Amino acid sequence: MSETYQRNDFPFNWPIRIYYEDTDTGGVVYYANYLKFYERARTEALRSIGFQQEALKNDENLLFVVAGVQVDYKRPAVLDDELMVLVRIDKIARSYLVFEQKIVKKMDENEIVLNTATVKVACVQGDSYRPKALPEAVLSRLGSLAGHRP
Protein backbone atom coordinates (compact mmCIF):
# COMPACT_ATOMS: atom_id res chain seq x y z
CA MET A 1 0.00 0.00 0.00
CA SER A 2 1.49 3.28 -1.11
CA GLU A 3 1.00 6.56 0.74
CA THR A 4 0.23 9.56 -1.42
CA TYR A 5 1.59 13.02 -0.86
CA GLN A 6 2.50 16.07 -2.86
CA ARG A 7 6.22 16.90 -2.95
CA ASN A 8 5.39 20.62 -3.16
CA ASP A 9 3.64 20.36 0.23
CA PHE A 10 7.14 19.94 1.68
CA PRO A 11 9.17 23.12 1.20
CA PHE A 12 12.53 21.52 2.06
CA ASN A 13 14.13 18.31 0.79
CA TRP A 14 17.47 16.83 1.85
CA PRO A 15 19.17 13.93 0.01
CA ILE A 16 20.61 10.95 1.91
CA ARG A 17 22.59 8.00 0.59
CA ILE A 18 22.69 4.80 2.63
CA TYR A 19 26.16 3.62 3.60
CA TYR A 20 27.25 0.35 5.14
CA GLU A 21 27.54 2.03 8.57
CA ASP A 22 23.81 2.87 8.42
CA THR A 23 22.73 -0.76 8.13
CA ASP A 24 22.25 -3.57 10.64
CA THR A 25 23.23 -7.23 10.36
CA GLY A 26 20.19 -7.83 8.17
CA GLY A 27 21.46 -5.34 5.59
CA VAL A 28 18.70 -2.80 6.15
CA VAL A 29 18.91 0.64 7.71
CA TYR A 30 18.96 0.33 11.49
CA TYR A 31 15.72 1.90 12.74
CA ALA A 32 17.36 4.51 15.00
CA ASN A 33 19.43 5.89 12.13
CA TYR A 34 16.29 7.35 10.59
CA LEU A 35 16.19 9.74 13.58
CA LYS A 36 19.65 10.99 12.55
CA PHE A 37 18.46 11.51 8.99
CA TYR A 38 15.45 13.48 10.24
CA GLU A 39 17.65 15.58 12.55
CA ARG A 40 20.09 16.46 9.78
CA ALA A 41 17.28 17.47 7.45
CA ARG A 42 15.67 19.74 10.10
CA THR A 43 19.06 21.33 10.80
CA GLU A 44 19.64 21.95 7.08
CA ALA A 45 16.11 23.29 6.68
CA LEU A 46 16.82 25.88 9.39
CA ARG A 47 20.18 26.67 7.78
CA SER A 48 18.40 27.20 4.44
CA ILE A 49 16.43 30.09 5.96
CA GLY A 50 19.47 31.65 7.61
CA PHE A 51 19.68 29.99 11.02
CA GLN A 52 22.62 28.01 12.34
CA GLN A 53 22.27 26.20 15.64
CA GLU A 54 25.47 27.61 17.18
CA ALA A 55 24.61 31.19 16.16
CA LEU A 56 21.10 30.86 17.64
CA LYS A 57 22.64 29.72 20.92
CA ASN A 58 25.24 32.51 20.99
CA ASP A 59 23.10 35.37 19.63
CA GLU A 60 19.62 34.54 20.97
CA ASN A 61 20.40 32.19 23.92
CA LEU A 62 18.09 29.78 22.09
CA LEU A 63 18.26 26.03 21.61
CA PHE A 64 15.91 23.69 19.83
CA VAL A 65 15.45 20.36 21.61
CA VAL A 66 13.35 17.40 20.60
CA ALA A 67 10.43 17.10 23.02
CA GLY A 68 8.70 14.19 21.31
CA VAL A 69 8.88 12.06 18.22
CA GLN A 70 6.65 9.51 16.54
CA VAL A 71 7.97 7.47 13.62
CA ASP A 72 5.93 5.10 11.49
CA TYR A 73 8.05 2.62 9.58
CA LYS A 74 6.50 1.37 6.34
CA ARG A 75 9.33 -0.07 4.19
CA PRO A 76 13.06 -0.61 4.68
CA ALA A 77 15.95 1.15 3.01
CA VAL A 78 19.11 -0.79 2.12
CA LEU A 79 22.76 -0.18 1.27
CA ASP A 80 23.34 2.36 -1.54
CA ASP A 81 19.74 3.55 -1.65
CA GLU A 82 19.34 7.21 -2.51
CA LEU A 83 16.62 8.73 -0.36
CA MET A 84 15.06 12.13 0.10
CA VAL A 85 14.05 13.53 3.49
CA LEU A 86 11.07 15.87 3.15
CA VAL A 87 10.52 18.56 5.78
CA ARG A 88 7.73 20.94 6.65
CA ILE A 89 6.65 22.75 9.76
CA ASP A 90 3.13 21.66 10.58
CA LYS A 91 2.60 23.93 13.62
CA ILE A 92 4.28 27.02 14.98
CA ALA A 93 3.43 27.72 18.62
CA ARG A 94 4.77 30.22 21.14
CA SER A 95 7.64 28.02 22.33
CA TYR A 96 7.65 24.97 20.09
CA LEU A 97 7.40 23.73 16.53
CA VAL A 98 5.90 20.55 15.13
CA PHE A 99 7.64 19.16 12.06
CA GLU A 100 6.17 16.65 9.68
CA GLN A 101 8.82 14.66 7.85
CA LYS A 102 8.91 11.82 5.35
CA ILE A 103 11.68 9.71 3.89
CA VAL A 104 11.02 8.66 0.33
CA LYS A 105 12.77 6.52 -2.26
CA LYS A 106 12.42 6.85 -6.00
CA MET A 107 11.30 3.59 -7.60
CA ASP A 108 10.73 3.51 -11.34
CA GLU A 109 8.73 6.67 -12.06
CA ASN A 110 7.29 6.96 -8.54
CA GLU A 111 8.46 7.85 -5.07
CA ILE A 112 7.46 5.55 -2.25
CA VAL A 113 7.25 6.60 1.39
CA LEU A 114 9.58 4.50 3.55
CA ASN A 115 8.65 6.14 6.84
CA THR A 116 7.10 9.23 8.35
CA ALA A 117 7.81 11.22 11.48
CA THR A 118 6.10 13.87 13.56
CA VAL A 119 8.66 15.71 15.66
CA LYS A 120 7.86 18.26 18.37
CA VAL A 121 10.80 20.61 18.87
CA ALA A 122 10.79 22.86 21.93
CA CYS A 123 12.48 26.23 22.12
CA VAL A 124 14.50 26.59 25.33
CA GLN A 125 16.97 29.02 26.86
CA GLY A 126 20.53 27.95 26.16
CA ASP A 127 21.76 28.61 29.68
CA SER A 128 18.90 27.13 31.74
CA TYR A 129 17.01 24.79 29.37
CA ARG A 130 13.76 26.43 30.46
CA PRO A 131 11.06 27.08 27.82
CA LYS A 132 11.56 30.24 25.81
CA ALA A 133 9.20 32.04 23.44
CA LEU A 134 10.38 32.02 19.85
CA PRO A 135 11.92 35.44 19.07
CA GLU A 136 10.16 37.50 16.41
CA ALA A 137 13.29 37.43 14.24
CA VAL A 138 13.06 33.63 14.16
CA LEU A 139 9.27 33.48 13.78
CA SER A 140 9.33 35.80 10.77
CA ARG A 141 11.40 33.31 8.75
CA LEU A 142 9.87 30.01 9.89
CA GLY A 143 6.78 30.49 7.75
CA SER A 144 8.76 29.63 4.63
CA LEU A 145 9.12 26.08 5.99
CA ALA A 146 5.42 25.70 6.73
CA GLY A 147 3.83 23.62 4.03
CA HIS A 148 0.14 23.30 3.43
CA ARG A 149 -1.73 20.11 4.13
CA PRO A 150 -3.70 18.56 1.28
C-alpha atoms as a PDB file:
ATOM      1  CA  MET A   1       0.000   0.000   0.000  1.00  0.00           C
ATOM      2  CA  SER A   2       1.494   3.280  -1.114  1.00  0.00           C
ATOM      3  CA  GLU A   3       1.004   6.558   0.740  1.00  0.00           C
ATOM      4  CA  THR A   4       0.226   9.556  -1.417  1.00  0.00           C
ATOM      5  CA  TYR A   5       1.594  13.017  -0.858  1.00  0.00           C
ATOM      6  CA  GLN A   6       2.497  16.072  -2.864  1.00  0.00           C
ATOM      7  CA  ARG A   7       6.215  16.895  -2.950  1.00  0.00           C
ATOM      8  CA  ASN A   8       5.395  20.623  -3.157  1.00  0.00           C
ATOM      9  CA  ASP A   9       3.640  20.360   0.234  1.00  0.00           C
ATOM     10  CA  PHE A  10       7.141  19.940   1.683  1.00  0.00           C
ATOM     11  CA  PRO A  11       9.171  23.119   1.196  1.00  0.00           C
ATOM     12  CA  PHE A  12      12.527  21.516   2.061  1.00  0.00           C
ATOM     13  CA  ASN A  13      14.129  18.305   0.795  1.00  0.00           C
ATOM     14  CA  TRP A  14      17.467  16.829   1.850  1.00  0.00           C
ATOM     15  CA  PRO A  15      19.169  13.928   0.008  1.00  0.00           C
ATOM     16  CA  ILE A  16      20.605  10.953   1.911  1.00  0.00           C
ATOM     17  CA  ARG A  17      22.589   7.996   0.587  1.00  0.00           C
ATOM     18  CA  ILE A  18      22.687   4.804   2.630  1.00  0.00           C
ATOM     19  CA  TYR A  19      26.161   3.624   3.600  1.00  0.00           C
ATOM     20  CA  TYR A  20      27.249   0.353   5.143  1.00  0.00           C
ATOM     21  CA  GLU A  21      27.539   2.029   8.566  1.00  0.00           C
ATOM     22  CA  ASP A  22      23.811   2.869   8.416  1.00  0.00           C
ATOM     23  CA  THR A  23      22.731  -0.764   8.135  1.00  0.00           C
ATOM     24  CA  ASP A  24      22.246  -3.569  10.637  1.00  0.00           C
ATOM     25  CA  THR A  25      23.230  -7.230  10.363  1.00  0.00           C
ATOM     26  CA  GLY A  26      20.190  -7.829   8.170  1.00  0.00           C
ATOM     27  CA  GLY A  27      21.456  -5.336   5.585  1.00  0.00           C
ATOM     28  CA  VAL A  28      18.696  -2.801   6.150  1.00  0.00           C
ATOM     29  CA  VAL A  29      18.911   0.643   7.712  1.00  0.00           C
ATOM     30  CA  TYR A  30      18.957   0.330  11.489  1.00  0.00           C
ATOM     31  CA  TYR A  31      15.722   1.904  12.743  1.00  0.00           C
ATOM     32  CA  ALA A  32      17.362   4.515  15.000  1.00  0.00           C
ATOM     33  CA  ASN A  33      19.430   5.887  12.125  1.00  0.00           C
ATOM     34  CA  TYR A  34      16.293   7.355  10.592  1.00  0.00           C
ATOM     35  CA  LEU A  35      16.189   9.742  13.581  1.00  0.00           C
ATOM     36  CA  LYS A  36      19.652  10.989  12.553  1.00  0.00           C
ATOM     37  CA  PHE A  37      18.461  11.514   8.991  1.00  0.00           C
ATOM     38  CA  TYR A  38      15.454  13.480  10.237  1.00  0.00           C
ATOM     39  CA  GLU A  39      17.645  15.580  12.555  1.00  0.00           C
ATOM     40  CA  ARG A  40      20.086  16.458   9.778  1.00  0.00           C
ATOM     41  CA  ALA A  41      17.277  17.471   7.450  1.00  0.00           C
ATOM     42  CA  ARG A  42      15.674  19.735  10.102  1.00  0.00           C
ATOM     43  CA  THR A  43      19.060  21.332  10.798  1.00  0.00           C
ATOM     44  CA  GLU A  44      19.642  21.948   7.078  1.00  0.00           C
ATOM     45  CA  ALA A  45      16.108  23.291   6.676  1.00  0.00           C
ATOM     46  CA  LEU A  46      16.819  25.885   9.386  1.00  0.00           C
ATOM     47  CA  ARG A  47      20.175  26.665   7.777  1.00  0.00           C
ATOM     48  CA  SER A  48      18.397  27.203   4.437  1.00  0.00           C
ATOM     49  CA  ILE A  49      16.426  30.095   5.960  1.00  0.00           C
ATOM     50  CA  GLY A  50      19.470  31.647   7.608  1.00  0.00           C
ATOM     51  CA  PHE A  51      19.680  29.990  11.021  1.00  0.00           C
ATOM     52  CA  GLN A  52      22.624  28.013  12.336  1.00  0.00           C
ATOM     53  CA  GLN A  53      22.270  26.202  15.636  1.00  0.00           C
ATOM     54  CA  GLU A  54      25.468  27.615  17.178  1.00  0.00           C
ATOM     55  CA  ALA A  55      24.608  31.187  16.159  1.00  0.00           C
ATOM     56  CA  LEU A  56      21.105  30.864  17.642  1.00  0.00           C
ATOM     57  CA  LYS A  57      22.638  29.721  20.917  1.00  0.00           C
ATOM     58  CA  ASN A  58      25.239  32.505  20.992  1.00  0.00           C
ATOM     59  CA  ASP A  59      23.095  35.368  19.631  1.00  0.00           C
ATOM     60  CA  GLU A  60      19.622  34.544  20.969  1.00  0.00           C
ATOM     61  CA  ASN A  61      20.397  32.192  23.917  1.00  0.00           C
ATOM     62  CA  LEU A  62      18.090  29.784  22.089  1.00  0.00           C
ATOM     63  CA  LEU A  63      18.263  26.034  21.614  1.00  0.00           C
ATOM     64  CA  PHE A  64      15.906  23.695  19.826  1.00  0.00           C
ATOM     65  CA  VAL A  65      15.449  20.358  21.612  1.00  0.00           C
ATOM     66  CA  VAL A  66      13.349  17.399  20.599  1.00  0.00           C
ATOM     67  CA  ALA A  67      10.433  17.104  23.022  1.00  0.00           C
ATOM     68  CA  GLY A  68       8.695  14.195  21.314  1.00  0.00           C
ATOM     69  CA  VAL A  69       8.880  12.059  18.217  1.00  0.00           C
ATOM     70  CA  GLN A  70       6.652   9.515  16.537  1.00  0.00           C
ATOM     71  CA  VAL A  71       7.973   7.467  13.624  1.00  0.00           C
ATOM     72  CA  ASP A  72       5.927   5.103  11.492  1.00  0.00           C
ATOM     73  CA  TYR A  73       8.046   2.619   9.575  1.00  0.00           C
ATOM     74  CA  LYS A  74       6.499   1.370   6.340  1.00  0.00           C
ATOM     75  CA  ARG A  75       9.329  -0.074   4.190  1.00  0.00           C
ATOM     76  CA  PRO A  76      13.059  -0.613   4.684  1.00  0.00           C
ATOM     77  CA  ALA A  77      15.955   1.151   3.005  1.00  0.00           C
ATOM     78  CA  VAL A  78      19.114  -0.789   2.122  1.00  0.00           C
ATOM     79  CA  LEU A  79      22.761  -0.182   1.269  1.00  0.00           C
ATOM     80  CA  ASP A  80      23.344   2.365  -1.538  1.00  0.00           C
ATOM     81  CA  ASP A  81      19.735   3.553  -1.645  1.00  0.00           C
ATOM     82  CA  GLU A  82      19.340   7.211  -2.508  1.00  0.00           C
ATOM     83  CA  LEU A  83      16.616   8.727  -0.358  1.00  0.00           C
ATOM     84  CA  MET A  84      15.060  12.127   0.100  1.00  0.00           C
ATOM     85  CA  VAL A  85      14.047  13.529   3.486  1.00  0.00           C
ATOM     86  CA  LEU A  86      11.067  15.868   3.154  1.00  0.00           C
ATOM     87  CA  VAL A  87      10.524  18.560   5.784  1.00  0.00           C
ATOM     88  CA  ARG A  88       7.729  20.943   6.646  1.00  0.00           C
ATOM     89  CA  ILE A  89       6.649  22.750   9.755  1.00  0.00           C
ATOM     90  CA  ASP A  90       3.129  21.660  10.583  1.00  0.00           C
ATOM     91  CA  LYS A  91       2.597  23.927  13.617  1.00  0.00           C
ATOM     92  CA  ILE A  92       4.281  27.024  14.982  1.00  0.00           C
ATOM     93  CA  ALA A  93       3.430  27.722  18.619  1.00  0.00           C
ATOM     94  CA  ARG A  94       4.768  30.225  21.142  1.00  0.00           C
ATOM     95  CA  SER A  95       7.640  28.020  22.331  1.00  0.00           C
ATOM     96  CA  TYR A  96       7.650  24.968  20.085  1.00  0.00           C
ATOM     97  CA  LEU A  97       7.395  23.733  16.525  1.00  0.00           C
ATOM     98  CA  VAL A  98       5.899  20.547  15.126  1.00  0.00           C
ATOM     99  CA  PHE A  99       7.636  19.164  12.064  1.00  0.00           C
ATOM    100  CA  GLU A 100       6.173  16.645   9.677  1.00  0.00           C
ATOM    101  CA  GLN A 101       8.820  14.664   7.851  1.00  0.00           C
ATOM    102  CA  LYS A 102       8.911  11.823   5.347  1.00  0.00           C
ATOM    103  CA  ILE A 103      11.680   9.713   3.892  1.00  0.00           C
ATOM    104  CA  VAL A 104      11.017   8.659   0.328  1.00  0.00           C
ATOM    105  CA  LYS A 105      12.770   6.519  -2.255  1.00  0.00           C
ATOM    106  CA  LYS A 106      12.424   6.849  -6.000  1.00  0.00           C
ATOM    107  CA  MET A 107      11.295   3.595  -7.602  1.00  0.00           C
ATOM    108  CA  ASP A 108      10.734   3.513 -11.336  1.00  0.00           C
ATOM    109  CA  GLU A 109       8.729   6.666 -12.061  1.00  0.00           C
ATOM    110  CA  ASN A 110       7.288   6.964  -8.543  1.00  0.00           C
ATOM    111  CA  GLU A 111       8.459   7.848  -5.069  1.00  0.00           C
ATOM    112  CA  ILE A 112       7.459   5.554  -2.252  1.00  0.00           C
ATOM    113  CA  VAL A 113       7.253   6.603   1.387  1.00  0.00           C
ATOM    114  CA  LEU A 114       9.577   4.501   3.549  1.00  0.00           C
ATOM    115  CA  ASN A 115       8.652   6.141   6.842  1.00  0.00           C
ATOM    116  CA  THR A 116       7.103   9.234   8.346  1.00  0.00           C
ATOM    117  CA  ALA A 117       7.805  11.223  11.481  1.00  0.00           C
ATOM    118  CA  THR A 118       6.101  13.866  13.556  1.00  0.00           C
ATOM    119  CA  VAL A 119       8.662  15.711  15.656  1.00  0.00           C
ATOM    120  CA  LYS A 120       7.863  18.261  18.372  1.00  0.00           C
ATOM    121  CA  VAL A 121      10.802  20.610  18.870  1.00  0.00           C
ATOM    122  CA  ALA A 122      10.794  22.860  21.927  1.00  0.00           C
ATOM    123  CA  CYS A 123      12.476  26.229  22.118  1.00  0.00           C
ATOM    124  CA  VAL A 124      14.505  26.594  25.326  1.00  0.00           C
ATOM    125  CA  GLN A 125      16.971  29.021  26.863  1.00  0.00           C
ATOM    126  CA  GLY A 126      20.531  27.954  26.156  1.00  0.00           C
ATOM    127  CA  ASP A 127      21.759  28.613  29.682  1.00  0.00           C
ATOM    128  CA  SER A 128      18.897  27.133  31.741  1.00  0.00           C
ATOM    129  CA  TYR A 129      17.011  24.795  29.371  1.00  0.00           C
ATOM    130  CA  ARG A 130      13.761  26.431  30.456  1.00  0.00           C
ATOM    131  CA  PRO A 131      11.062  27.082  27.821  1.00  0.00           C
ATOM    132  CA  LYS A 132      11.560  30.244  25.805  1.00  0.00           C
ATOM    133  CA  ALA A 133       9.200  32.040  23.437  1.00  0.00           C
ATOM    134  CA  LEU A 134      10.379  32.024  19.847  1.00  0.00           C
ATOM    135  CA  PRO A 135      11.920  35.437  19.072  1.00  0.00           C
ATOM    136  CA  GLU A 136      10.164  37.504  16.408  1.00  0.00           C
ATOM    137  CA  ALA A 137      13.292  37.429  14.237  1.00  0.00           C
ATOM    138  CA  VAL A 138      13.057  33.629  14.158  1.00  0.00           C
ATOM    139  CA  LEU A 139       9.272  33.485  13.775  1.00  0.00           C
ATOM    140  CA  SER A 140       9.331  35.795  10.769  1.00  0.00           C
ATOM    141  CA  ARG A 141      11.399  33.307   8.753  1.00  0.00           C
ATOM    142  CA  LEU A 142       9.869  30.013   9.893  1.00  0.00           C
ATOM    143  CA  GLY A 143       6.778  30.488   7.751  1.00  0.00           C
ATOM    144  CA  SER A 144       8.758  29.627   4.627  1.00  0.00           C
ATOM    145  CA  LEU A 145       9.120  26.076   5.986  1.00  0.00           C
ATOM    146  CA  ALA A 146       5.420  25.700   6.732  1.00  0.00           C
ATOM    147  CA  GLY A 147       3.828  23.623   4.029  1.00  0.00           C
ATOM    148  CA  HIS A 148       0.137  23.299   3.433  1.00  0.00           C
ATOM    149  CA  ARG A 149      -1.735  20.114   4.127  1.00  0.00           C
ATOM    150  CA  PRO A 150      -3.696  18.557   1.283  1.00  0.00           C
END
